[in-house]
């Protein structure tokens, strides 16, 4: 269990997360299949293991892992559009009259209801780690919408969830731009070979570099014209690498082989033990990494009341 992306949320009030109570709360909103006329369903599933006996909350040391699954019927808009056009043409030809918007919308709804039971089903899971001691929730996603789906459903399950996206005192783009200009990141951080530069003007250009020497004159020339760094590939110590953007989204998070090998050794031959070992090692690494990252970016902006 290694997260590939990170959206970090700060709890703005104390929430007494306990595994047993959380398990009971999540059980009230389980994932379930779509009914024949439903477009989508959303609910919690076991993060590890399968079957009815698999717990919805995995607790390891001081950390809690949960997972939510979205099931949705895939109905391509082009299919609906073609069927609607065919039906409208048929009515206008046979009845020699114009079909207006209100009737079109009604016909469209009828077509969707007819096609839904035959639509393909797509399932996708989103994982989140709760860190009660640190007051953080980490969502394994680069999509704020997917994270909010999980957090809002969690809020419904437990009754209250006062969280907000974590923010820092200095705009991340300013810090990342400074690191690239000076060709030196904060202590223990290293600039890799990928970045995105944007002109600050509304219609300004975008430059994306991959597998490039970011110390080159070409990159420095772009920076001298006022472009800002909006994405930068970084490494921390010898433990992980990632891409950080100007909204504090951590993408393409990769834990180095040494950590993964350590988790394999600690987990043994059992699959669930392997997952537990990797989750625990990942969280212990993130407990060390995240404060260093926020400090390097100017320090966390603490919400009032904390």
Foldseek 3Di string as FASTA:
>chain_A
DAFFWKFKKFFQDQDPDDQVVLQVLQVVFADDEDDQQDFKHKGWDQPDDDDPPRTQWDDDDQKIKHKMKMKGFDDDPVVLVVVLVVVQVVCCVVVVDHDDDVNSVVVSSVVSRVCRNVTDMDMDMKMWMDRNVRRMIITRDLDPVVVVVVVVVSCVSVVHTRMDGWDADAQQQVQVLVCLLVVHAPPQKHFDWWWKWWAPDPPTDIDTTGNHDSNDVVNNVSVVVPITTAKTWMDGHQFWIFIAGRVRMTHRIDTDPVLLVVLDVQQDDDPVSSVSSSVVSNVVVCVVPVQVVSVSSHHIDRDPPD
